[in-house]
C-alpha atoms as a PDB file:
ATOM      1  CA  MET A   1     126.681 122.276 107.676  1.00  0.00           C
ATOM      2  CA  ILE A   2     123.674 119.826 107.442  1.00  0.00           C
ATOM      3  CA  ILE A   3     122.891 118.150 104.168  1.00  0.00           C
ATOM      4  CA  ASN A   4     119.682 116.290 103.940  1.00  0.00           C
ATOM      5  CA  LYS A   5     120.394 112.973 102.324  1.00  0.00           C
ATOM      6  CA  SER A   6     117.358 111.157 100.620  1.00  0.00           C
ATOM      7  CA  LYS A   7     117.541 107.286 100.896  1.00  0.00           C
ATOM      8  CA  VAL A   8     115.158 104.600  99.052  1.00  0.00           C
ATOM      9  CA  VAL A   9     114.998 101.149 100.524  1.00  0.00           C
ATOM     10  CA  ILE A  10     113.794  98.500  97.786  1.00  0.00           C
ATOM     11  CA  VAL A  11     112.270  95.259  99.407  1.00  0.00           C
ATOM     12  CA  GLY A  12     112.554  92.343  96.736  1.00  0.00           C
ATOM     13  CA  ALA A  13     115.791  92.448  94.650  1.00  0.00           C
ATOM     14  CA  GLY A  14     113.852  90.628  91.571  1.00  0.00           C
ATOM     15  CA  ALA A  15     113.187  91.908  88.015  1.00  0.00           C
ATOM     16  CA  VAL A  16     111.009  94.598  89.336  1.00  0.00           C
ATOM     17  CA  GLY A  17     113.183  95.726  92.326  1.00  0.00           C
ATOM     18  CA  SER A  18     116.330  95.715  90.416  1.00  0.00           C
ATOM     19  CA  SER A  19     115.001  97.854  87.454  1.00  0.00           C
ATOM     20  CA  THR A  20     113.202 100.176  90.186  1.00  0.00           C
ATOM     21  CA  ALA A  21     116.942 100.562  91.489  1.00  0.00           C
ATOM     22  CA  PHE A  22     118.639 100.918  88.365  1.00  0.00           C
ATOM     23  CA  SER A  23     116.005 103.868  87.216  1.00  0.00           C
ATOM     24  CA  LEU A  24     116.731 105.451  90.402  1.00  0.00           C
ATOM     25  CA  VAL A  25     120.570 105.000  90.189  1.00  0.00           C
ATOM     26  CA  THR A  26     120.614 106.228  86.285  1.00  0.00           C
ATOM     27  CA  GLN A  27     118.150 109.111  86.994  1.00  0.00           C
ATOM     28  CA  GLY A  28     120.327 110.127  90.179  1.00  0.00           C
ATOM     29  CA  ILE A  29     116.936 110.631  91.857  1.00  0.00           C
ATOM     30  CA  CYS A  30     118.025 109.898  95.450  1.00  0.00           C
ATOM     31  CA  ASP A  31     121.313 109.652  97.458  1.00  0.00           C
ATOM     32  CA  ASP A  32     121.297 106.209  98.782  1.00  0.00           C
ATOM     33  CA  VAL A  33     119.211 102.984  97.265  1.00  0.00           C
ATOM     34  CA  VAL A  34     119.507 100.006  99.617  1.00  0.00           C
ATOM     35  CA  LEU A  35     118.437  96.663  98.082  1.00  0.00           C
ATOM     36  CA  THR A  36     117.081  93.822 100.597  1.00  0.00           C
ATOM     37  CA  ASP A  37     115.707  90.423  99.690  1.00  0.00           C
ATOM     38  CA  ILE A  38     114.949  87.068 101.292  1.00  0.00           C
ATOM     39  CA  ASN A  39     117.802  85.710  98.805  1.00  0.00           C
ATOM     40  CA  GLN A  40     120.778  88.063 100.446  1.00  0.00           C
ATOM     41  CA  GLY A  41     123.072  87.179  97.757  1.00  0.00           C
ATOM     42  CA  LYS A  42     121.026  88.383  95.021  1.00  0.00           C
ATOM     43  CA  ALA A  43     120.568  91.601  96.715  1.00  0.00           C
ATOM     44  CA  VAL A  44     124.156  91.838  97.082  1.00  0.00           C
ATOM     45  CA  GLY A  45     124.963  90.913  93.827  1.00  0.00           C
ATOM     46  CA  GLU A  46     122.498  93.410  92.109  1.00  0.00           C
ATOM     47  CA  ALA A  47     123.748  96.047  94.377  1.00  0.00           C
ATOM     48  CA  MET A  48     127.345  95.463  92.783  1.00  0.00           C
ATOM     49  CA  ASP A  49     126.005  95.377  89.471  1.00  0.00           C
ATOM     50  CA  LEU A  50     124.717  98.717  89.809  1.00  0.00           C
ATOM     51  CA  ARG A  51     127.473 100.302  91.782  1.00  0.00           C
ATOM     52  CA  HIS A  52     129.627  99.739  88.631  1.00  0.00           C
ATOM     53  CA  CYS A  53     127.215 102.204  86.628  1.00  0.00           C
ATOM     54  CA  ILE A  54     128.133 105.092  88.604  1.00  0.00           C
ATOM     55  CA  GLU A  55     131.563 105.745  86.488  1.00  0.00           C
ATOM     56  CA  TYR A  56     129.589 106.746  83.503  1.00  0.00           C
ATOM     57  CA  LEU A  57     126.399 108.591  85.144  1.00  0.00           C
ATOM     58  CA  ASN A  58     126.293 112.166  85.924  1.00  0.00           C
ATOM     59  CA  ARG A  59     125.696 111.521  89.724  1.00  0.00           C
ATOM     60  CA  ASN A  60     127.165 109.300  92.702  1.00  0.00           C
ATOM     61  CA  VAL A  61     124.283 107.226  93.937  1.00  0.00           C
ATOM     62  CA  ARG A  62     125.218 105.039  96.741  1.00  0.00           C
ATOM     63  CA  VAL A  63     123.917 101.483  96.522  1.00  0.00           C
ATOM     64  CA  SER A  64     124.194  98.696  98.763  1.00  0.00           C
ATOM     65  CA  ALA A  65     122.262  95.538  99.998  1.00  0.00           C
ATOM     66  CA  GLY A  66     120.724  95.468 103.540  1.00  0.00           C
ATOM     67  CA  THR A  67     118.276  94.382 105.792  1.00  0.00           C
ATOM     68  CA  TYR A  68     115.038  95.714 107.440  1.00  0.00           C
ATOM     69  CA  GLU A  69     116.891  97.379 109.844  1.00  0.00           C
ATOM     70  CA  ASP A  70     118.017  99.914 107.193  1.00  0.00           C
ATOM     71  CA  CYS A  71     114.576 101.363 106.654  1.00  0.00           C
ATOM     72  CA  GLY A  72     114.633 102.967 109.885  1.00  0.00           C
ATOM     73  CA  ASP A  73     116.029 106.376 108.302  1.00  0.00           C
ATOM     74  CA  ALA A  74     114.824 105.649 105.031  1.00  0.00           C
ATOM     75  CA  ASP A  75     112.529 108.380 103.174  1.00  0.00           C
ATOM     76  CA  ILE A  76     110.497 105.762 101.136  1.00  0.00           C
ATOM     77  CA  VAL A  77     110.340 101.902 101.141  1.00  0.00           C
ATOM     78  CA  VAL A  78     109.288 100.075  98.137  1.00  0.00           C
ATOM     79  CA  ILE A  79     107.365  97.083  98.252  1.00  0.00           C
ATOM     80  CA  THR A  80     107.920  94.984  95.181  1.00  0.00           C
ATOM     81  CA  ALA A  81     107.700  91.264  96.735  1.00  0.00           C
ATOM     82  CA  SER A  82     104.620  89.225  95.501  1.00  0.00           C
ATOM     83  CA  ALA A  83     103.199  85.852  94.575  1.00  0.00           C
ATOM     84  CA  PRO A  84     104.838  84.465  91.526  1.00  0.00           C
ATOM     85  CA  TYR A  85     102.467  84.511  88.581  1.00  0.00           C
ATOM     86  CA  VAL A  86     100.872  81.214  87.687  1.00  0.00           C
ATOM     87  CA  PRO A  87      99.427  80.607  84.342  1.00  0.00           C
ATOM     88  CA  GLY A  88      95.626  81.292  84.382  1.00  0.00           C
ATOM     89  CA  GLN A  89      95.787  83.779  87.342  1.00  0.00           C
ATOM     90  CA  ASN A  90      94.748  87.203  87.736  1.00  0.00           C
ATOM     91  CA  ARG A  91      96.328  89.801  90.143  1.00  0.00           C
ATOM     92  CA  LEU A  92      93.211  89.070  92.443  1.00  0.00           C
ATOM     93  CA  ASP A  93      94.485  85.413  92.581  1.00  0.00           C
ATOM     94  CA  MET A  94      97.411  86.121  94.057  1.00  0.00           C
ATOM     95  CA  LEU A  95      96.074  88.175  96.835  1.00  0.00           C
ATOM     96  CA  GLY A  96      96.165  84.863  99.828  1.00  0.00           C
ATOM     97  CA  THR A  97     100.307  84.237  99.074  1.00  0.00           C
ATOM     98  CA  THR A  98     101.094  88.037  98.845  1.00  0.00           C
ATOM     99  CA  LYS A  99      99.202  88.533 102.088  1.00  0.00           C
ATOM    100  CA  LYS A 100     101.500  85.990 103.972  1.00  0.00           C
ATOM    101  CA  ILE A 101     104.796  87.534 102.077  1.00  0.00           C
ATOM    102  CA  ILE A 102     103.520  91.340 103.615  1.00  0.00           C
ATOM    103  CA  ASP A 103     102.819  89.655 106.691  1.00  0.00           C
ATOM    104  CA  SER A 104     106.902  88.964 107.361  1.00  0.00           C
ATOM    105  CA  MET A 105     107.912  92.064 106.171  1.00  0.00           C
ATOM    106  CA  VAL A 106     105.791  94.872 107.716  1.00  0.00           C
ATOM    107  CA  GLY A 107     106.266  94.236 111.151  1.00  0.00           C
ATOM    108  CA  PRO A 108     110.174  94.007 110.983  1.00  0.00           C
ATOM    109  CA  ILE A 109     110.031  97.477 108.785  1.00  0.00           C
ATOM    110  CA  MET A 110     107.993  99.440 111.429  1.00  0.00           C
ATOM    111  CA  LYS A 111     110.232  97.974 114.114  1.00  0.00           C
ATOM    112  CA  SER A 112     113.197  99.367 112.739  1.00  0.00           C
ATOM    113  CA  GLY A 113     111.470 102.941 113.516  1.00  0.00           C
ATOM    114  CA  PHE A 114     110.389 103.722 109.965  1.00  0.00           C
ATOM    115  CA  ASP A 115     108.252 106.707 109.492  1.00  0.00           C
ATOM    116  CA  GLY A 116     108.319 107.565 105.820  1.00  0.00           C
ATOM    117  CA  ILE A 117     106.361 106.634 102.707  1.00  0.00           C
ATOM    118  CA  PHE A 118     105.368 103.184 101.721  1.00  0.00           C
ATOM    119  CA  ILE A 119     105.275 102.908  97.586  1.00  0.00           C
ATOM    120  CA  VAL A 120     103.520  99.422  96.798  1.00  0.00           C
ATOM    121  CA  ILE A 121     103.795  97.746  93.874  1.00  0.00           C
ATOM    122  CA  SER A 122     103.159  94.113  95.126  1.00  0.00           C
ATOM    123  CA  ASN A 123      99.747  92.614  93.440  1.00  0.00           C
ATOM    124  CA  PRO A 124      96.978  92.923  94.052  1.00  0.00           C
ATOM    125  CA  VAL A 125      98.166  96.424  94.652  1.00  0.00           C
ATOM    126  CA  ASP A 126      95.194  98.194  95.776  1.00  0.00           C
ATOM    127  CA  ILE A 127      94.231  95.552  98.380  1.00  0.00           C
ATOM    128  CA  ILE A 128      97.929  94.971  99.228  1.00  0.00           C
ATOM    129  CA  SER A 129      98.345  98.888  99.948  1.00  0.00           C
ATOM    130  CA  TYR A 130      95.309  98.996 102.136  1.00  0.00           C
ATOM    131  CA  TYR A 131      96.597  95.765 103.958  1.00  0.00           C
ATOM    132  CA  ILE A 132      99.859  97.713 104.461  1.00  0.00           C
ATOM    133  CA  TYR A 133      98.229 100.869 105.474  1.00  0.00           C
ATOM    134  CA  GLN A 134      96.178  98.934 108.473  1.00  0.00           C
ATOM    135  CA  LEU A 135      99.364  97.106 109.440  1.00  0.00           C
ATOM    136  CA  SER A 136     101.628  99.731 109.517  1.00  0.00           C
ATOM    137  CA  GLY A 137      99.475 102.315 111.420  1.00  0.00           C
ATOM    138  CA  LEU A 138     100.912 105.113 109.277  1.00  0.00           C
ATOM    139  CA  PRO A 139      98.652 108.047 108.445  1.00  0.00           C
ATOM    140  CA  LYS A 140      96.898 107.722 104.871  1.00  0.00           C
ATOM    141  CA  ASN A 141      99.050 109.832 103.080  1.00  0.00           C
ATOM    142  CA  GLN A 142     102.216 107.904 103.707  1.00  0.00           C
ATOM    143  CA  VAL A 143     101.020 104.554 102.281  1.00  0.00           C
ATOM    144  CA  ILE A 144     100.688 104.839  98.048  1.00  0.00           C
ATOM    145  CA  GLY A 145      99.909 102.058  95.687  1.00  0.00           C
ATOM    146  CA  THR A 146     101.277 102.595  92.327  1.00  0.00           C
ATOM    147  CA  GLY A 147      97.514 101.949  91.266  1.00  0.00           C
ATOM    148  CA  THR A 148      96.663 102.635  87.726  1.00  0.00           C
ATOM    149  CA  ALA A 149      99.861 104.979  87.104  1.00  0.00           C
ATOM    150  CA  LEU A 150     101.420 102.221  85.007  1.00  0.00           C
ATOM    151  CA  ASP A 151      98.028 101.517  83.310  1.00  0.00           C
ATOM    152  CA  THR A 152      97.478 105.254  82.323  1.00  0.00           C
ATOM    153  CA  ALA A 153     101.089 105.478  80.591  1.00  0.00           C
ATOM    154  CA  ARG A 154      99.745 102.438  78.509  1.00  0.00           C
ATOM    155  CA  LEU A 155      96.909 103.851  77.613  1.00  0.00           C
ATOM    156  CA  LYS A 156      98.286 107.272  76.598  1.00  0.00           C
ATOM    157  CA  CYS A 157     100.890 105.151  74.160  1.00  0.00           C
ATOM    158  CA  LEU A 158      97.926 103.348  72.652  1.00  0.00           C
ATOM    159  CA  ILE A 159      96.137 106.191  71.923  1.00  0.00           C
ATOM    160  CA  ALA A 160      99.193 108.272  70.548  1.00  0.00           C
ATOM    161  CA  GLN A 161      99.708 105.162  68.504  1.00  0.00           C
ATOM    162  CA  LYS A 162      96.450 105.643  66.459  1.00  0.00           C
ATOM    163  CA  ILE A 163      96.623 109.035  65.974  1.00  0.00           C
ATOM    164  CA  ASP A 164     100.823 109.547  65.625  1.00  0.00           C
ATOM    165  CA  VAL A 165     101.468 111.878  68.460  1.00  0.00           C
ATOM    166  CA  ASP A 166     103.745 112.063  71.305  1.00  0.00           C
ATOM    167  CA  PRO A 167     102.199 109.997  74.411  1.00  0.00           C
ATOM    168  CA  ARG A 168     103.014 113.040  76.710  1.00  0.00           C
ATOM    169  CA  SER A 169     100.583 115.328  74.634  1.00  0.00           C
ATOM    170  CA  VAL A 170      97.797 112.848  75.682  1.00  0.00           C
ATOM    171  CA  HIS A 171      95.819 113.690  78.605  1.00  0.00           C
ATOM    172  CA  CYS A 172      93.633 110.881  80.388  1.00  0.00           C
ATOM    173  CA  THR A 173      93.274 109.134  83.480  1.00  0.00           C
ATOM    174  CA  VAL A 174      92.767 105.151  84.289  1.00  0.00           C
ATOM    175  CA  MET A 175      91.046 104.828  87.332  1.00  0.00           C
ATOM    176  CA  GLY A 176      89.637 102.107  89.879  1.00  0.00           C
ATOM    177  CA  GLU A 177      91.446  98.943  90.122  1.00  0.00           C
ATOM    178  CA  HIS A 178      94.782  98.059  88.594  1.00  0.00           C
ATOM    179  CA  GLY A 179      93.208  94.841  87.118  1.00  0.00           C
ATOM    180  CA  ASP A 180      90.309  93.803  84.816  1.00  0.00           C
ATOM    181  CA  SER A 181      87.678  96.295  86.173  1.00  0.00           C
ATOM    182  CA  GLN A 182      89.835  99.514  85.488  1.00  0.00           C
ATOM    183  CA  MET A 183      88.024 101.968  83.736  1.00  0.00           C
ATOM    184  CA  VAL A 184      88.645 105.403  81.585  1.00  0.00           C
ATOM    185  CA  PRO A 185      86.431 108.498  82.081  1.00  0.00           C
ATOM    186  CA  TRP A 186      86.521 109.333  78.382  1.00  0.00           C
ATOM    187  CA  SER A 187      84.759 112.368  78.500  1.00  0.00           C
ATOM    188  CA  ARG A 188      87.745 113.658  80.106  1.00  0.00           C
ATOM    189  CA  VAL A 189      90.514 112.847  77.608  1.00  0.00           C
ATOM    190  CA  THR A 190      92.103 115.337  75.278  1.00  0.00           C
ATOM    191  CA  VAL A 191      94.902 115.699  73.230  1.00  0.00           C
ATOM    192  CA  GLY A 192      97.009 118.957  72.719  1.00  0.00           C
ATOM    193  CA  GLY A 193      93.517 120.489  74.623  1.00  0.00           C
ATOM    194  CA  LYS A 194      90.868 118.913  72.172  1.00  0.00           C
ATOM    195  CA  ASP A 195      88.104 116.768  73.580  1.00  0.00           C
ATOM    196  CA  PHE A 196      89.232 113.091  72.300  1.00  0.00           C
ATOM    197  CA  PHE A 197      85.322 112.727  70.853  1.00  0.00           C
ATOM    198  CA  ASN A 198      86.198 115.344  68.741  1.00  0.00           C
ATOM    199  CA  ILE A 199      89.384 114.325  67.355  1.00  0.00           C
ATOM    200  CA  VAL A 200      87.507 110.986  66.701  1.00  0.00           C
ATOM    201  CA  ALA A 201      84.729 112.636  64.879  1.00  0.00           C
ATOM    202  CA  ASP A 202      87.776 114.906  63.140  1.00  0.00           C
ATOM    203  CA  ASN A 203      89.928 111.739  61.906  1.00  0.00           C
ATOM    204  CA  GLN A 204      87.687 109.462  60.652  1.00  0.00           C
ATOM    205  CA  ASP A 205      90.499 107.932  58.366  1.00  0.00           C
ATOM    206  CA  ARG A 206      92.586 107.397  61.834  1.00  0.00           C
ATOM    207  CA  LEU A 207      90.062 106.376  64.290  1.00  0.00           C
ATOM    208  CA  LYS A 208      87.236 105.128  62.211  1.00  0.00           C
ATOM    209  CA  GLY A 209      85.125 102.611  64.194  1.00  0.00           C
ATOM    210  CA  ALA A 210      87.500 103.395  67.532  1.00  0.00           C
ATOM    211  CA  ASP A 211      86.296 100.658  70.269  1.00  0.00           C
ATOM    212  CA  LEU A 212      86.563 102.312  73.510  1.00  0.00           C
ATOM    213  CA  LYS A 213      85.843  99.647  75.380  1.00  0.00           C
ATOM    214  CA  GLN A 214      88.328  97.446  73.464  1.00  0.00           C
ATOM    215  CA  MET A 215      90.920 100.090  74.276  1.00  0.00           C
ATOM    216  CA  VAL A 216      90.135  99.640  77.984  1.00  0.00           C
ATOM    217  CA  HIS A 217      90.633  95.945  77.547  1.00  0.00           C
ATOM    218  CA  GLU A 218      93.992  96.289  75.499  1.00  0.00           C
ATOM    219  CA  THR A 219      95.284  98.501  78.532  1.00  0.00           C
ATOM    220  CA  ALA A 220      94.057  96.275  81.167  1.00  0.00           C
ATOM    221  CA  ASN A 221      95.703  93.470  79.412  1.00  0.00           C
ATOM    222  CA  ALA A 222      98.739  95.064  78.397  1.00  0.00           C
ATOM    223  CA  GLY A 223     100.804  93.692  81.495  1.00  0.00           C
ATOM    224  CA  TRP A 224      99.705  90.220  80.558  1.00  0.00           C
ATOM    225  CA  GLU A 225     100.607  90.277  76.798  1.00  0.00           C
ATOM    226  CA  ILE A 226     103.979  91.612  77.877  1.00  0.00           C
ATOM    227  CA  LEU A 227     104.397  88.620  80.579  1.00  0.00           C
ATOM    228  CA  HIS A 228     103.331  85.989  77.994  1.00  0.00           C
ATOM    229  CA  ARG A 229     106.054  87.224  75.677  1.00  0.00           C
ATOM    230  CA  LYS A 230     108.885  87.839  77.734  1.00  0.00           C
ATOM    231  CA  GLY A 231     108.126  86.410  81.126  1.00  0.00           C
ATOM    232  CA  ASN A 232     107.719  89.427  83.376  1.00  0.00           C
ATOM    233  CA  THR A 233     107.311  93.036  83.153  1.00  0.00           C
ATOM    234  CA  ASN A 234     109.484  95.455  84.774  1.00  0.00           C
ATOM    235  CA  TYR A 235     110.628  98.381  82.947  1.00  0.00           C
ATOM    236  CA  GLY A 236     107.290 100.126  82.697  1.00  0.00           C
ATOM    237  CA  ILE A 237     106.486  99.662  86.587  1.00  0.00           C
ATOM    238  CA  ALA A 238     110.118 100.720  87.604  1.00  0.00           C
ATOM    239  CA  THR A 239     110.259 103.621  85.730  1.00  0.00           C
ATOM    240  CA  THR A 240     106.756 104.693  87.034  1.00  0.00           C
ATOM    241  CA  THR A 241     107.967 103.899  90.266  1.00  0.00           C
ATOM    242  CA  ALA A 242     110.849 106.116  89.869  1.00  0.00           C
ATOM    243  CA  GLY A 243     108.956 108.914  88.592  1.00  0.00           C
ATOM    244  CA  ILE A 244     106.454 108.612  91.570  1.00  0.00           C
ATOM    245  CA  ILE A 245     109.607 108.679  94.263  1.00  0.00           C
ATOM    246  CA  LYS A 246     110.955 111.626  92.301  1.00  0.00           C
ATOM    247  CA  THR A 247     107.793 113.549  92.614  1.00  0.00           C
ATOM    248  CA  ILE A 248     107.701 113.011  96.270  1.00  0.00           C
ATOM    249  CA  LEU A 249     111.427 113.504  97.137  1.00  0.00           C
ATOM    250  CA  TYR A 250     111.286 116.847  95.345  1.00  0.00           C
ATOM    251  CA  ASN A 251     107.984 117.839  96.276  1.00  0.00           C
ATOM    252  CA  GLU A 252     106.729 118.426  92.610  1.00  0.00           C
ATOM    253  CA  SER A 253     103.181 118.615  93.422  1.00  0.00           C
ATOM    254  CA  ARG A 254     102.878 116.618  90.257  1.00  0.00           C
ATOM    255  CA  ILE A 255      99.245 114.552  89.753  1.00  0.00           C
ATOM    256  CA  ILE A 256      99.664 110.911  89.269  1.00  0.00           C
ATOM    257  CA  PRO A 257      97.027 108.447  89.242  1.00  0.00           C
ATOM    258  CA  VAL A 258      98.081 106.287  92.369  1.00  0.00           C
ATOM    259  CA  SER A 259      96.324 103.703  94.630  1.00  0.00           C
ATOM    260  CA  THR A 260      95.250 106.032  97.866  1.00  0.00           C
ATOM    261  CA  LEU A 261      92.798 105.730 100.758  1.00  0.00           C
ATOM    262  CA  LEU A 262      89.584 107.318  99.743  1.00  0.00           C
ATOM    263  CA  CYS A 263      87.581 109.062 102.713  1.00  0.00           C
ATOM    264  CA  GLY A 264      84.532 110.533 100.749  1.00  0.00           C
ATOM    265  CA  GLU A 265      86.086 111.436  97.539  1.00  0.00           C
ATOM    266  CA  TYR A 266      83.807 109.773  94.765  1.00  0.00           C
ATOM    267  CA  GLY A 267      81.507 108.750  97.412  1.00  0.00           C
ATOM    268  CA  GLU A 268      83.727 105.935  98.532  1.00  0.00           C
ATOM    269  CA  ASN A 269      85.040 105.397 102.193  1.00  0.00           C
ATOM    270  CA  GLY A 270      87.826 103.366 103.481  1.00  0.00           C
ATOM    271  CA  VAL A 271      88.979 101.759 100.539  1.00  0.00           C
ATOM    272  CA  PHE A 272      92.338 102.165  98.397  1.00  0.00           C
ATOM    273  CA  ALA A 273      91.657 102.823  94.869  1.00  0.00           C
ATOM    274  CA  GLY A 274      93.452 104.280  91.621  1.00  0.00           C
ATOM    275  CA  VAL A 275      92.634 107.956  91.378  1.00  0.00           C
ATOM    276  CA  PRO A 276      94.641 111.201  90.377  1.00  0.00           C
ATOM    277  CA  ALA A 277      96.473 112.489  93.379  1.00  0.00           C
ATOM    278  CA  VAL A 278      98.801 115.495  94.115  1.00  0.00           C
ATOM    279  CA  LEU A 279     101.888 114.167  95.131  1.00  0.00           C
ATOM    280  CA  GLY A 280     104.649 115.693  97.519  1.00  0.00           C
ATOM    281  CA  ARG A 281     107.179 115.524 100.256  1.00  0.00           C
ATOM    282  CA  ASN A 282     104.649 113.931 102.561  1.00  0.00           C
ATOM    283  CA  GLY A 283     103.146 111.716 100.250  1.00  0.00           C
ATOM    284  CA  VAL A 284      99.547 112.048  98.777  1.00  0.00           C
ATOM    285  CA  LYS A 285      98.736 115.930  99.380  1.00  0.00           C
ATOM    286  CA  GLU A 286      94.989 115.497  98.048  1.00  0.00           C
ATOM    287  CA  VAL A 287      92.825 113.266  95.798  1.00  0.00           C
ATOM    288  CA  VAL A 288      91.979 115.103  92.602  1.00  0.00           C
ATOM    289  CA  GLU A 289      87.950 114.435  92.030  1.00  0.00           C
ATOM    290  CA  VAL A 290      87.356 114.141  88.281  1.00  0.00           C
ATOM    291  CA  ARG A 291      84.311 115.402  87.248  1.00  0.00           C
ATOM    292  CA  MET A 292      82.598 112.434  85.483  1.00  0.00           C
ATOM    293  CA  THR A 293      79.508 111.477  83.490  1.00  0.00           C
ATOM    294  CA  ASP A 294      76.616 109.380  85.542  1.00  0.00           C
ATOM    295  CA  GLU A 295      77.759 106.277  83.569  1.00  0.00           C
ATOM    296  CA  GLU A 296      81.545 106.701  83.820  1.00  0.00           C
ATOM    297  CA  LEU A 297      80.755 107.232  87.699  1.00  0.00           C
ATOM    298  CA  LEU A 298      78.632 104.194  88.093  1.00  0.00           C
ATOM    299  CA  THR A 299      81.798 102.127  86.164  1.00  0.00           C
ATOM    300  CA  PHE A 300      84.160 103.407  88.616  1.00  0.00           C
ATOM    301  CA  LYS A 301      81.920 102.798  91.514  1.00  0.00           C
ATOM    302  CA  LYS A 302      81.419  98.948  89.913  1.00  0.00           C
ATOM    303  CA  SER A 303      85.615  98.864  90.022  1.00  0.00           C
ATOM    304  CA  VAL A 304      86.026 100.136  93.306  1.00  0.00           C
ATOM    305  CA  ALA A 305      83.458  97.434  94.410  1.00  0.00           C
ATOM    306  CA  VAL A 306      85.597  94.857  93.532  1.00  0.00           C
ATOM    307  CA  ILE A 307      88.558  96.228  95.285  1.00  0.00           C
ATOM    308  CA  ARG A 308      86.239  96.211  98.446  1.00  0.00           C
ATOM    309  CA  GLU A 309      85.083  93.056  98.079  1.00  0.00           C
ATOM    310  CA  PHE A 310      88.529  91.505  98.182  1.00  0.00           C
ATOM    311  CA  SER A 311      89.986  93.763 100.571  1.00  0.00           C
ATOM    312  CA  SER A 312      87.101  92.615 103.077  1.00  0.00           C
ATOM    313  CA  GLN A 313      88.676  89.097 103.151  1.00  0.00           C
ATOM    314  CA  LEU A 314      91.996  90.278 104.531  1.00  0.00           C
END
């Protein structure tokens, strides 16, 4: 009997990479998790620590430390390595250093025979995803940035806190750059099927003076708030990445806002940006084109223009 096993290789065993591995292991999402890092001892230590979880979990996920050669038969390779944060920088400022790191990785990964799906976390994620797409030569559906998936989760939490509901009852999407220019099509936001603007009108006591621009700012700035308080962000993005991996490996056809190559959608071409997309076993199955107001579409295009400007520097 042939058993199809699923294998995920995580490149970078720092806080984000190890937390992503922990999410995969504790949820039992795949059969094999391999950690690789320039500091091999760190990868070995994280793999050992994760293996010691298995006794108290409901599934034996095999965890090991490896090299780029282990990517050859991987279903998914997660790229977490990026430039270290320097106070005062934004994500776009990390491009030059992160690009050099990516240059050293993609060649050896592709040389291993890898033909699976890249999931890119490294910032600036939209631009780095585009760069990996160019370097790898893989089809567009097989290179996916985490994009605005985490930003969307953050906005849902923010809205839910204001009106005291479960964040999973909030339906919204953050789009564009995973960065300062990101936007929200508020005309499409609902809570339990109810239009958000109607909720604001009907709940003045709770949402009096709701400032949509401030909410977008708080969403975009959430990562920095966490970083300044604890030194890094890892749990949110790790669990977001695990959710994307689960959707792909289990062929769920779930819609998640990720960074993917636009080929005419929203009138944009040749650029990676955060948009809702249907994900399945082969990666991005379809980009969902959300109907926005003219003003919202203009704001989205301005965000895409920021990504395009920096992508042209590659």
